[in-house]
Amino acid sequence: MHVAIPLYPRFTALDAVGPYTVMAFAPGCTVTFVAAQAGPVVDDRGSLSLTATASLADVPRPDVIIVPGGPGTAEALEDADLVAWIAEAHEHTLWTTSVCSGSFLLGGAGLLKGRRATTHWGWLEHLAGFGAEPVSERVVVDGKIVTAAGVSSGIDMALTLLARLSDVTTAQAVQLAMEYDPEPPFDAGSPATAPEGLADRALRLIS
């Protein structure tokens, strides 16, 4: 099972690394970071880079695509080669997935028309511009497309995906190996529960 995670300038690191960790632990899975050219790609903080070990052209038909989001999504939508790679690879994938604003790249590739999809709460309504039905859920499965909400939800998405690619027991084993048993210190992870006035401050951190 070959999983490809495309990187582009100013992606959000956890969008890529969370699902990478889940899939890299999974028996029988090979995960490859790809980019326009092989080499380091810098994240949205400008202080971390991940190394793409292959170019987009090197990996034309992965079994699974996981597209991360980040502030660089707007510029990435103008990258015709990246958008075309997503569209063309999707024709052969078992699953095509995204995390956070990575769903806009799926939309840009024409993959969300008439489909239920999600993204970060701050930009959810904009999915309608790609013909999608915006859904305020953490993980949304529609056909072979799986979209995840904001950043940390990529781990939930990858575990959901792994259960479908393999089986529930395998996904549970990976979850336990990662000790993914979150107990956040604050109930502020959703606009529905966060203190009043926090949303604008949160959006400024990631814009």
N, C-alpha and C. Protein backbone atom coordinates (compact mmCIF):
# COMPACT_ATOMS: atom_id res chain seq x y z
N MET A 1 0.85 -1.18 0.00
CA MET A 1 0.00 0.00 0.00
C MET A 1 0.89 1.24 0.00
N HIS A 2 0.80 2.04 -1.05
CA HIS A 2 1.66 3.22 -1.18
C HIS A 2 0.85 4.48 -0.93
N VAL A 3 1.25 5.22 0.09
CA VAL A 3 0.59 6.46 0.48
C VAL A 3 1.49 7.63 0.10
N ALA A 4 0.95 8.61 -0.62
CA ALA A 4 1.71 9.80 -1.00
C ALA A 4 1.15 11.03 -0.31
N ILE A 5 2.03 11.82 0.27
CA ILE A 5 1.64 13.07 0.93
C ILE A 5 2.34 14.21 0.20
N PRO A 6 1.60 15.00 -0.60
CA PRO A 6 2.23 16.10 -1.32
C PRO A 6 2.51 17.30 -0.41
N LEU A 7 3.69 17.83 -0.53
CA LEU A 7 4.10 19.00 0.25
C LEU A 7 4.21 20.21 -0.67
N TYR A 8 3.95 21.39 -0.11
CA TYR A 8 4.09 22.64 -0.84
C TYR A 8 4.47 23.71 0.16
N PRO A 9 5.06 24.81 -0.25
CA PRO A 9 5.50 25.83 0.70
C PRO A 9 4.39 26.32 1.61
N ARG A 10 4.71 26.42 2.91
CA ARG A 10 3.80 26.92 3.94
C ARG A 10 2.66 25.96 4.23
N PHE A 11 2.93 24.66 4.12
CA PHE A 11 1.98 23.66 4.62
C PHE A 11 2.06 23.66 6.15
N THR A 12 1.04 23.12 6.80
CA THR A 12 1.06 22.99 8.26
C THR A 12 1.62 21.63 8.63
N ALA A 13 2.65 21.62 9.47
CA ALA A 13 3.40 20.39 9.72
C ALA A 13 2.53 19.25 10.26
N LEU A 14 1.68 19.52 11.25
CA LEU A 14 0.90 18.43 11.84
C LEU A 14 -0.10 17.85 10.85
N ASP A 15 -0.56 18.66 9.91
CA ASP A 15 -1.46 18.15 8.86
C ASP A 15 -0.82 16.98 8.13
N ALA A 16 0.49 17.07 7.93
CA ALA A 16 1.22 16.02 7.22
C ALA A 16 1.75 14.96 8.16
N VAL A 17 2.33 15.39 9.28
CA VAL A 17 3.05 14.46 10.16
C VAL A 17 2.09 13.59 10.97
N GLY A 18 0.93 14.12 11.36
CA GLY A 18 -0.03 13.30 12.10
C GLY A 18 -0.46 12.07 11.29
N PRO A 19 -1.02 12.28 10.09
CA PRO A 19 -1.39 11.12 9.27
C PRO A 19 -0.18 10.27 8.87
N TYR A 20 0.95 10.91 8.63
CA TYR A 20 2.17 10.15 8.29
C TYR A 20 2.48 9.14 9.38
N THR A 21 2.42 9.57 10.64
CA THR A 21 2.77 8.68 11.74
C THR A 21 1.82 7.49 11.81
N VAL A 22 0.53 7.74 11.64
CA VAL A 22 -0.44 6.64 11.65
C VAL A 22 -0.13 5.65 10.53
N MET A 23 0.03 6.15 9.32
CA MET A 23 0.20 5.26 8.18
C MET A 23 1.58 4.60 8.17
N ALA A 24 2.59 5.30 8.68
CA ALA A 24 3.93 4.73 8.70
C ALA A 24 4.03 3.57 9.69
N PHE A 25 3.22 3.60 10.75
CA PHE A 25 3.18 2.51 11.71
C PHE A 25 2.42 1.30 11.17
N ALA A 26 1.57 1.52 10.17
CA ALA A 26 0.67 0.46 9.70
C ALA A 26 1.44 -0.60 8.91
N PRO A 27 1.24 -1.86 9.24
CA PRO A 27 1.92 -2.92 8.49
C PRO A 27 1.57 -2.88 7.01
N GLY A 28 2.57 -3.00 6.17
CA GLY A 28 2.34 -3.07 4.74
C GLY A 28 2.18 -1.74 4.05
N CYS A 29 2.32 -0.63 4.79
CA CYS A 29 2.19 0.70 4.19
C CYS A 29 3.55 1.34 3.98
N THR A 30 3.73 1.93 2.81
CA THR A 30 4.90 2.76 2.53
C THR A 30 4.40 4.18 2.31
N VAL A 31 5.00 5.14 3.02
CA VAL A 31 4.57 6.53 2.91
C VAL A 31 5.69 7.35 2.27
N THR A 32 5.34 8.12 1.26
CA THR A 32 6.32 8.96 0.57
C THR A 32 5.85 10.41 0.58
N PHE A 33 6.73 11.29 1.05
CA PHE A 33 6.48 12.72 0.88
C PHE A 33 6.93 13.10 -0.52
N VAL A 34 6.04 13.77 -1.28
CA VAL A 34 6.35 14.19 -2.64
C VAL A 34 6.19 15.70 -2.75
N ALA A 35 6.86 16.30 -3.72
CA ALA A 35 6.75 17.74 -3.96
C ALA A 35 7.10 18.00 -5.42
N ALA A 36 7.07 19.25 -5.81
CA ALA A 36 7.39 19.59 -7.20
C ALA A 36 8.73 18.99 -7.60
N GLN A 37 9.71 19.12 -6.69
CA GLN A 37 11.00 18.45 -6.85
C GLN A 37 11.36 17.82 -5.51
N ALA A 38 12.12 16.76 -5.55
CA ALA A 38 12.60 16.15 -4.31
C ALA A 38 13.47 17.17 -3.57
N GLY A 39 13.37 17.15 -2.24
CA GLY A 39 14.15 18.07 -1.43
C GLY A 39 13.32 18.64 -0.30
N PRO A 40 13.90 19.50 0.52
CA PRO A 40 13.18 20.05 1.68
C PRO A 40 12.09 21.04 1.28
N VAL A 41 11.00 21.01 2.02
CA VAL A 41 9.89 21.96 1.85
C VAL A 41 9.62 22.57 3.21
N VAL A 42 9.57 23.89 3.27
CA VAL A 42 9.45 24.61 4.55
C VAL A 42 7.99 24.80 4.93
N ASP A 43 7.71 24.62 6.22
CA ASP A 43 6.33 24.70 6.71
C ASP A 43 5.88 26.14 6.91
N ASP A 44 4.66 26.29 7.46
CA ASP A 44 4.06 27.61 7.60
C ASP A 44 4.69 28.48 8.68
N ARG A 45 5.48 27.89 9.57
CA ARG A 45 6.16 28.67 10.58
C ARG A 45 7.54 29.14 10.11
N GLY A 46 7.99 28.58 9.02
CA GLY A 46 9.29 28.93 8.48
C GLY A 46 10.46 28.38 9.25
N SER A 47 10.19 27.45 10.18
CA SER A 47 11.26 26.95 11.03
C SER A 47 11.41 25.42 10.98
N LEU A 48 10.58 24.78 10.19
CA LEU A 48 10.64 23.33 10.06
C LEU A 48 10.52 22.96 8.59
N SER A 49 11.33 22.03 8.15
CA SER A 49 11.17 21.53 6.78
C SER A 49 11.06 20.02 6.81
N LEU A 50 10.25 19.49 5.92
CA LEU A 50 10.18 18.06 5.67
C LEU A 50 10.79 17.80 4.31
N THR A 51 11.40 16.66 4.17
CA THR A 51 12.08 16.34 2.93
C THR A 51 11.21 15.46 2.04
N ALA A 52 10.89 15.98 0.88
CA ALA A 52 10.22 15.15 -0.14
C ALA A 52 11.29 14.26 -0.76
N THR A 53 11.06 12.96 -0.70
CA THR A 53 12.04 12.02 -1.25
C THR A 53 11.75 11.69 -2.70
N ALA A 54 10.68 12.24 -3.25
CA ALA A 54 10.34 12.00 -4.65
C ALA A 54 9.60 13.22 -5.19
N SER A 55 9.64 13.37 -6.49
CA SER A 55 8.86 14.44 -7.13
C SER A 55 7.45 13.93 -7.43
N LEU A 56 6.57 14.85 -7.75
CA LEU A 56 5.21 14.46 -8.13
C LEU A 56 5.25 13.51 -9.33
N ALA A 57 6.12 13.81 -10.28
CA ALA A 57 6.21 12.97 -11.48
C ALA A 57 6.70 11.57 -11.17
N ASP A 58 7.46 11.43 -10.08
CA ASP A 58 7.99 10.12 -9.72
C ASP A 58 6.91 9.19 -9.16
N VAL A 59 5.82 9.77 -8.67
CA VAL A 59 4.77 8.97 -8.00
C VAL A 59 3.42 9.31 -8.63
N PRO A 60 3.17 8.83 -9.84
CA PRO A 60 1.94 9.22 -10.53
C PRO A 60 0.69 8.47 -10.08
N ARG A 61 0.88 7.26 -9.48
CA ARG A 61 -0.29 6.44 -9.16
C ARG A 61 -0.21 5.85 -7.75
N PRO A 62 -0.20 6.68 -6.72
CA PRO A 62 -0.22 6.13 -5.36
C PRO A 62 -1.58 5.49 -5.07
N ASP A 63 -1.59 4.60 -4.11
CA ASP A 63 -2.86 3.99 -3.70
C ASP A 63 -3.71 4.95 -2.88
N VAL A 64 -3.03 5.81 -2.13
CA VAL A 64 -3.71 6.76 -1.25
C VAL A 64 -3.00 8.11 -1.35
N ILE A 65 -3.77 9.18 -1.38
CA ILE A 65 -3.24 10.54 -1.31
C ILE A 65 -3.74 11.17 -0.01
N ILE A 66 -2.84 11.83 0.71
CA ILE A 66 -3.23 12.62 1.88
C ILE A 66 -2.71 14.03 1.66
N VAL A 67 -3.61 14.98 1.40
CA VAL A 67 -3.22 16.35 1.07
C VAL A 67 -3.32 17.23 2.33
N PRO A 68 -2.20 17.74 2.82
CA PRO A 68 -2.24 18.61 4.00
C PRO A 68 -2.71 20.01 3.64
N GLY A 69 -3.11 20.75 4.66
CA GLY A 69 -3.48 22.15 4.46
C GLY A 69 -2.42 23.07 5.01
N GLY A 70 -2.80 24.33 5.17
CA GLY A 70 -1.88 25.33 5.68
C GLY A 70 -2.10 26.67 5.01
N PRO A 71 -1.47 27.73 5.53
CA PRO A 71 -1.62 29.05 4.91
C PRO A 71 -1.16 29.11 3.47
N GLY A 72 -0.32 28.15 3.05
CA GLY A 72 0.15 28.13 1.67
C GLY A 72 -0.85 27.56 0.68
N THR A 73 -2.02 27.17 1.15
CA THR A 73 -3.01 26.55 0.27
C THR A 73 -3.42 27.48 -0.87
N ALA A 74 -3.60 28.76 -0.58
CA ALA A 74 -4.04 29.70 -1.62
C ALA A 74 -3.04 29.73 -2.78
N GLU A 75 -1.75 29.79 -2.43
CA GLU A 75 -0.73 29.79 -3.48
C GLU A 75 -0.68 28.43 -4.18
N ALA A 76 -0.87 27.36 -3.41
CA ALA A 76 -0.82 26.02 -3.99
C ALA A 76 -1.94 25.81 -5.00
N LEU A 77 -3.07 26.47 -4.78
CA LEU A 77 -4.17 26.35 -5.74
C LEU A 77 -3.79 26.91 -7.11
N GLU A 78 -2.80 27.80 -7.13
CA GLU A 78 -2.33 28.36 -8.39
C GLU A 78 -1.25 27.50 -9.04
N ASP A 79 -0.84 26.44 -8.35
CA ASP A 79 0.19 25.54 -8.86
C ASP A 79 -0.48 24.49 -9.76
N ALA A 80 -0.49 24.75 -11.05
CA ALA A 80 -1.21 23.89 -11.98
C ALA A 80 -0.70 22.46 -11.96
N ASP A 81 0.60 22.29 -11.77
CA ASP A 81 1.16 20.94 -11.76
C ASP A 81 0.67 20.14 -10.56
N LEU A 82 0.63 20.78 -9.39
CA LEU A 82 0.16 20.10 -8.19
C LEU A 82 -1.32 19.73 -8.31
N VAL A 83 -2.14 20.69 -8.74
CA VAL A 83 -3.58 20.44 -8.86
C VAL A 83 -3.84 19.35 -9.90
N ALA A 84 -3.10 19.38 -10.99
CA ALA A 84 -3.27 18.35 -12.02
C ALA A 84 -2.83 16.98 -11.50
N TRP A 85 -1.76 16.96 -10.71
CA TRP A 85 -1.30 15.68 -10.14
C TRP A 85 -2.37 15.08 -9.25
N ILE A 86 -3.01 15.91 -8.43
CA ILE A 86 -4.07 15.42 -7.55
C ILE A 86 -5.21 14.85 -8.38
N ALA A 87 -5.63 15.60 -9.40
CA ALA A 87 -6.75 15.15 -10.23
C ALA A 87 -6.42 13.85 -10.95
N GLU A 88 -5.22 13.75 -11.51
CA GLU A 88 -4.85 12.57 -12.29
C GLU A 88 -4.59 11.37 -11.39
N ALA A 89 -3.93 11.59 -10.25
CA ALA A 89 -3.68 10.47 -9.34
C ALA A 89 -4.98 9.94 -8.77
N HIS A 90 -5.95 10.83 -8.53
CA HIS A 90 -7.24 10.42 -7.98
C HIS A 90 -7.93 9.37 -8.84
N GLU A 91 -7.68 9.40 -10.14
CA GLU A 91 -8.33 8.43 -11.04
C GLU A 91 -7.91 7.00 -10.72
N HIS A 92 -6.79 6.85 -10.01
CA HIS A 92 -6.26 5.51 -9.74
C HIS A 92 -6.20 5.17 -8.26
N THR A 93 -6.51 6.12 -7.39
CA THR A 93 -6.39 5.86 -5.96
C THR A 93 -7.50 4.96 -5.43
N LEU A 94 -7.20 4.31 -4.30
CA LEU A 94 -8.24 3.66 -3.51
C LEU A 94 -8.94 4.70 -2.66
N TRP A 95 -8.16 5.65 -2.13
CA TRP A 95 -8.69 6.71 -1.29
C TRP A 95 -7.94 8.01 -1.60
N THR A 96 -8.68 9.10 -1.65
CA THR A 96 -8.10 10.43 -1.81
C THR A 96 -8.56 11.25 -0.61
N THR A 97 -7.62 11.79 0.15
CA THR A 97 -7.98 12.41 1.43
C THR A 97 -7.30 13.76 1.61
N SER A 98 -7.79 14.50 2.59
CA SER A 98 -7.20 15.79 2.89
C SER A 98 -7.35 16.10 4.37
N VAL A 99 -6.52 17.03 4.82
CA VAL A 99 -6.59 17.53 6.19
C VAL A 99 -6.71 19.04 6.12
N CYS A 100 -7.60 19.59 6.93
CA CYS A 100 -7.75 21.04 7.05
C CYS A 100 -7.99 21.66 5.67
N SER A 101 -7.28 22.73 5.32
CA SER A 101 -7.54 23.41 4.05
C SER A 101 -7.00 22.64 2.85
N GLY A 102 -6.41 21.47 3.08
CA GLY A 102 -6.07 20.61 1.96
C GLY A 102 -7.29 20.25 1.13
N SER A 103 -8.47 20.33 1.75
CA SER A 103 -9.70 20.03 0.99
C SER A 103 -9.92 21.02 -0.15
N PHE A 104 -9.38 22.24 -0.01
CA PHE A 104 -9.53 23.20 -1.10
C PHE A 104 -8.73 22.76 -2.33
N LEU A 105 -7.62 22.07 -2.10
CA LEU A 105 -6.86 21.53 -3.22
C LEU A 105 -7.62 20.40 -3.90
N LEU A 106 -8.34 19.60 -3.10
CA LEU A 106 -9.22 18.60 -3.72
C LEU A 106 -10.30 19.30 -4.53
N GLY A 107 -10.84 20.38 -3.97
CA GLY A 107 -11.85 21.15 -4.69
C GLY A 107 -11.29 21.75 -5.97
N GLY A 108 -10.07 22.28 -5.89
CA GLY A 108 -9.45 22.87 -7.06
C GLY A 108 -9.21 21.85 -8.16
N ALA A 109 -9.04 20.60 -7.75
CA ALA A 109 -8.85 19.51 -8.72
C ALA A 109 -10.19 18.99 -9.25
N GLY A 110 -11.29 19.60 -8.80
CA GLY A 110 -12.61 19.22 -9.30
C GLY A 110 -13.18 17.97 -8.66
N LEU A 111 -12.70 17.62 -7.46
CA LEU A 111 -13.08 16.34 -6.87
C LEU A 111 -14.23 16.43 -5.86
N LEU A 112 -14.66 17.64 -5.51
CA LEU A 112 -15.65 17.78 -4.44
C LEU A 112 -17.05 18.14 -4.93
N LYS A 113 -17.23 18.25 -6.20
CA LYS A 113 -18.56 18.65 -6.70
C LYS A 113 -19.62 17.64 -6.30
N GLY A 114 -20.64 18.14 -5.62
CA GLY A 114 -21.73 17.28 -5.19
C GLY A 114 -21.40 16.38 -4.02
N ARG A 115 -20.26 16.58 -3.40
CA ARG A 115 -19.84 15.72 -2.28
C ARG A 115 -19.90 16.46 -0.96
N ARG A 116 -20.16 15.72 0.10
CA ARG A 116 -20.04 16.24 1.46
C ARG A 116 -18.56 16.33 1.79
N ALA A 117 -18.16 17.42 2.43
CA ALA A 117 -16.75 17.59 2.76
C ALA A 117 -16.61 18.55 3.93
N THR A 118 -15.44 18.47 4.59
CA THR A 118 -15.18 19.37 5.71
C THR A 118 -13.79 19.97 5.57
N THR A 119 -13.52 20.94 6.42
CA THR A 119 -12.23 21.60 6.51
C THR A 119 -12.19 22.33 7.84
N HIS A 120 -11.17 23.15 8.05
CA HIS A 120 -11.07 23.93 9.29
C HIS A 120 -12.33 24.79 9.46
N TRP A 121 -12.82 24.91 10.68
CA TRP A 121 -14.06 25.64 10.93
C TRP A 121 -14.02 27.08 10.42
N GLY A 122 -12.84 27.68 10.39
CA GLY A 122 -12.74 29.07 9.98
C GLY A 122 -13.03 29.31 8.51
N TRP A 123 -12.93 28.24 7.70
CA TRP A 123 -13.10 28.39 6.25
C TRP A 123 -14.13 27.42 5.69
N LEU A 124 -14.88 26.78 6.55
CA LEU A 124 -15.78 25.71 6.13
C LEU A 124 -16.76 26.17 5.05
N GLU A 125 -17.35 27.33 5.22
CA GLU A 125 -18.38 27.79 4.29
C GLU A 125 -17.84 27.97 2.87
N HIS A 126 -16.52 28.18 2.74
CA HIS A 126 -15.94 28.43 1.42
C HIS A 126 -15.86 27.17 0.55
N LEU A 127 -16.06 26.00 1.15
CA LEU A 127 -16.07 24.78 0.36
C LEU A 127 -17.20 24.79 -0.67
N ALA A 128 -18.25 25.51 -0.35
CA ALA A 128 -19.39 25.57 -1.28
C ALA A 128 -18.96 26.15 -2.63
N GLY A 129 -17.93 26.97 -2.64
CA GLY A 129 -17.44 27.55 -3.89
C GLY A 129 -16.85 26.52 -4.83
N PHE A 130 -16.55 25.33 -4.31
CA PHE A 130 -16.04 24.24 -5.14
C PHE A 130 -17.14 23.22 -5.46
N GLY A 131 -18.38 23.59 -5.16
CA GLY A 131 -19.50 22.70 -5.45
C GLY A 131 -19.73 21.64 -4.39
N ALA A 132 -19.02 21.75 -3.26
CA ALA A 132 -19.17 20.78 -2.17
C ALA A 132 -20.31 21.17 -1.24
N GLU A 133 -20.74 20.20 -0.46
CA GLU A 133 -21.68 20.46 0.63
C GLU A 133 -20.88 20.52 1.92
N PRO A 134 -20.66 21.72 2.49
CA PRO A 134 -19.85 21.84 3.70
C PRO A 134 -20.53 21.14 4.87
N VAL A 135 -19.75 20.34 5.60
CA VAL A 135 -20.27 19.56 6.73
C VAL A 135 -19.39 19.83 7.94
N SER A 136 -20.01 20.24 9.04
CA SER A 136 -19.26 20.53 10.26
C SER A 136 -19.08 19.25 11.07
N GLU A 137 -18.21 18.37 10.57
CA GLU A 137 -17.87 17.13 11.26
C GLU A 137 -16.36 16.97 11.25
N ARG A 138 -15.83 16.17 12.15
CA ARG A 138 -14.38 16.04 12.26
C ARG A 138 -13.79 15.25 11.10
N VAL A 139 -14.46 14.19 10.68
CA VAL A 139 -14.03 13.39 9.54
C VAL A 139 -15.26 13.08 8.69
N VAL A 140 -15.15 13.31 7.38
CA VAL A 140 -16.27 13.08 6.48
C VAL A 140 -15.83 12.13 5.37
N VAL A 141 -16.58 11.05 5.20
CA VAL A 141 -16.31 10.08 4.14
C VAL A 141 -17.43 10.18 3.11
N ASP A 142 -17.06 10.43 1.86
CA ASP A 142 -18.03 10.47 0.77
C ASP A 142 -17.41 9.74 -0.41
N GLY A 143 -17.89 8.54 -0.69
CA GLY A 143 -17.25 7.73 -1.72
C GLY A 143 -15.84 7.39 -1.29
N LYS A 144 -14.88 7.60 -2.18
CA LYS A 144 -13.49 7.31 -1.81
C LYS A 144 -12.73 8.56 -1.39
N ILE A 145 -13.49 9.62 -1.13
CA ILE A 145 -12.87 10.86 -0.65
C ILE A 145 -13.15 11.02 0.84
N VAL A 146 -12.07 11.27 1.59
CA VAL A 146 -12.18 11.48 3.03
C VAL A 146 -11.56 12.83 3.35
N THR A 147 -12.32 13.71 3.98
CA THR A 147 -11.80 15.01 4.37
C THR A 147 -11.83 15.13 5.89
N ALA A 148 -10.85 15.84 6.43
CA ALA A 148 -10.76 16.04 7.88
C ALA A 148 -10.85 17.53 8.17
N ALA A 149 -11.31 17.87 9.35
CA ALA A 149 -11.43 19.26 9.76
C ALA A 149 -10.03 19.83 10.06
N GLY A 150 -9.92 20.68 11.05
CA GLY A 150 -8.65 21.35 11.30
C GLY A 150 -7.54 20.44 11.80
N VAL A 151 -6.32 20.88 11.52
CA VAL A 151 -5.02 20.31 11.86
C VAL A 151 -5.02 18.97 12.59
N SER A 152 -5.38 18.95 13.88
CA SER A 152 -5.24 17.74 14.69
C SER A 152 -6.18 16.62 14.24
N SER A 153 -7.24 16.97 13.51
CA SER A 153 -8.19 15.95 13.07
C SER A 153 -7.59 15.01 12.03
N GLY A 154 -6.42 15.35 11.50
CA GLY A 154 -5.76 14.47 10.55
C GLY A 154 -5.42 13.12 11.15
N ILE A 155 -5.15 13.09 12.45
CA ILE A 155 -4.87 11.81 13.11
C ILE A 155 -6.13 10.96 13.13
N ASP A 156 -7.27 11.57 13.47
CA ASP A 156 -8.54 10.84 13.46
C ASP A 156 -8.86 10.33 12.06
N MET A 157 -8.61 11.19 11.07
CA MET A 157 -8.89 10.80 9.69
C MET A 157 -8.04 9.60 9.29
N ALA A 158 -6.74 9.64 9.64
CA ALA A 158 -5.84 8.56 9.24
C ALA A 158 -6.22 7.25 9.91
N LEU A 159 -6.65 7.30 11.16
CA LEU A 159 -7.09 6.07 11.83
C LEU A 159 -8.37 5.54 11.19
N THR A 160 -9.29 6.44 10.84
CA THR A 160 -10.51 6.04 10.12
C THR A 160 -10.15 5.39 8.80
N LEU A 161 -9.22 5.99 8.09
CA LEU A 161 -8.77 5.48 6.80
C LEU A 161 -8.12 4.11 6.96
N LEU A 162 -7.25 3.99 7.95
CA LEU A 162 -6.54 2.73 8.15
C LEU A 162 -7.51 1.59 8.45
N ALA A 163 -8.54 1.86 9.22
CA ALA A 163 -9.54 0.82 9.51
C ALA A 163 -10.21 0.33 8.24
N ARG A 164 -10.39 1.22 7.27
CA ARG A 164 -11.03 0.83 6.02
C ARG A 164 -10.05 0.17 5.07
N LEU A 165 -8.79 0.60 5.11
CA LEU A 165 -7.78 -0.02 4.27
C LEU A 165 -7.41 -1.41 4.75
N SER A 166 -7.43 -1.58 6.09
CA SER A 166 -7.01 -2.85 6.68
C SER A 166 -8.17 -3.44 7.48
N ASP A 167 -8.19 -3.14 8.76
CA ASP A 167 -9.30 -3.56 9.62
C ASP A 167 -9.25 -2.75 10.90
N VAL A 168 -10.32 -2.82 11.65
CA VAL A 168 -10.43 -2.02 12.88
C VAL A 168 -9.34 -2.39 13.88
N THR A 169 -9.05 -3.69 14.00
CA THR A 169 -8.05 -4.11 14.98
C THR A 169 -6.68 -3.52 14.66
N THR A 170 -6.32 -3.48 13.39
CA THR A 170 -5.04 -2.88 13.01
C THR A 170 -5.01 -1.40 13.37
N ALA A 171 -6.09 -0.69 13.06
CA ALA A 171 -6.16 0.73 13.40
C ALA A 171 -6.09 0.94 14.91
N GLN A 172 -6.76 0.08 15.65
CA GLN A 172 -6.71 0.19 17.11
C GLN A 172 -5.30 -0.08 17.64
N ALA A 173 -4.59 -1.03 17.03
CA ALA A 173 -3.23 -1.34 17.45
C ALA A 173 -2.32 -0.14 17.22
N VAL A 174 -2.49 0.52 16.07
CA VAL A 174 -1.69 1.72 15.79
C VAL A 174 -2.04 2.83 16.77
N GLN A 175 -3.31 3.01 17.04
CA GLN A 175 -3.72 4.03 18.01
C GLN A 175 -3.08 3.77 19.37
N LEU A 176 -3.07 2.51 19.79
CA LEU A 176 -2.48 2.17 21.08
C LEU A 176 -0.97 2.35 21.05
N ALA A 177 -0.33 1.96 19.95
CA ALA A 177 1.12 2.13 19.83
C ALA A 177 1.50 3.60 19.95
N MET A 178 0.67 4.47 19.39
CA MET A 178 0.91 5.92 19.46
C MET A 178 0.48 6.51 20.81
N GLU A 179 -0.23 5.71 21.61
CA GLU A 179 -0.89 6.20 22.82
C GLU A 179 -1.69 7.46 22.51
N TYR A 180 -2.49 7.34 21.44
CA TYR A 180 -3.35 8.45 21.06
C TYR A 180 -4.61 8.37 21.91
N ASP A 181 -4.56 9.04 23.04
CA ASP A 181 -5.64 9.02 24.03
C ASP A 181 -5.78 10.43 24.58
N PRO A 182 -6.18 11.38 23.74
CA PRO A 182 -6.09 12.79 24.10
C PRO A 182 -6.97 13.18 25.28
N GLU A 183 -6.39 13.98 26.15
CA GLU A 183 -7.11 14.60 27.26
C GLU A 183 -6.70 16.06 27.32
N PRO A 184 -7.22 16.88 26.42
CA PRO A 184 -6.79 18.29 26.38
C PRO A 184 -7.10 19.01 27.69
N PRO A 185 -6.21 19.92 28.08
CA PRO A 185 -6.41 20.62 29.36
C PRO A 185 -7.54 21.63 29.33
N PHE A 186 -8.01 22.00 28.14
CA PHE A 186 -9.07 22.99 28.02
C PHE A 186 -10.13 22.49 27.05
N ASP A 187 -11.36 22.88 27.27
CA ASP A 187 -12.44 22.55 26.35
C ASP A 187 -12.60 23.71 25.38
N ALA A 188 -11.53 23.95 24.61
CA ALA A 188 -11.52 25.10 23.71
C ALA A 188 -11.16 24.69 22.29
N GLY A 189 -11.34 23.43 21.96
CA GLY A 189 -10.94 22.93 20.65
C GLY A 189 -11.98 23.08 19.56
N SER A 190 -13.11 23.66 19.88
CA SER A 190 -14.19 23.86 18.91
C SER A 190 -14.82 25.23 19.15
N PRO A 191 -15.27 25.90 18.09
CA PRO A 191 -15.95 27.18 18.28
C PRO A 191 -17.18 27.05 19.18
N ALA A 192 -17.76 25.85 19.23
CA ALA A 192 -18.96 25.65 20.04
C ALA A 192 -18.67 25.66 21.53
N THR A 193 -17.43 25.36 21.91
CA THR A 193 -17.09 25.27 23.34
C THR A 193 -16.06 26.28 23.78
N ALA A 194 -15.38 26.92 22.85
CA ALA A 194 -14.31 27.87 23.21
C ALA A 194 -14.90 29.13 23.85
N PRO A 195 -14.14 29.78 24.72
CA PRO A 195 -14.61 31.02 25.34
C PRO A 195 -14.95 32.09 24.29
N GLU A 196 -15.88 32.93 24.61
CA GLU A 196 -16.30 33.99 23.70
C GLU A 196 -15.12 34.89 23.36
N GLY A 197 -15.03 35.25 22.10
CA GLY A 197 -13.98 36.16 21.65
C GLY A 197 -12.67 35.48 21.28
N LEU A 198 -12.58 34.16 21.46
CA LEU A 198 -11.33 33.46 21.19
C LEU A 198 -11.15 33.13 19.71
N ALA A 199 -12.23 33.06 18.97
CA ALA A 199 -12.16 32.63 17.57
C ALA A 199 -11.27 33.55 16.74
N ASP A 200 -11.44 34.86 16.87
CA ASP A 200 -10.64 35.79 16.08
C ASP A 200 -9.16 35.66 16.41
N ARG A 201 -8.86 35.51 17.67
CA ARG A 201 -7.46 35.35 18.07
C ARG A 201 -6.88 34.06 17.49
N ALA A 202 -7.66 32.99 17.52
CA ALA A 202 -7.21 31.72 16.98
C ALA A 202 -6.94 31.82 15.48
N LEU A 203 -7.83 32.47 14.75
CA LEU A 203 -7.66 32.59 13.30
C LEU A 203 -6.44 33.42 12.95
N ARG A 204 -6.13 34.43 13.77
CA ARG A 204 -4.94 35.24 13.50
C ARG A 204 -3.67 34.41 13.61
N LEU A 205 -3.70 33.38 14.42
CA LEU A 205 -2.52 32.53 14.59
C LEU A 205 -2.21 31.70 13.36
N ILE A 206 -3.21 31.41 12.55
CA ILE A 206 -3.01 30.48 11.44
C ILE A 206 -3.27 31.12 10.08
N SER A 207 -3.48 32.39 10.02
CA SER A 207 -3.75 33.06 8.74
C SER A 207 -2.46 33.56 8.11
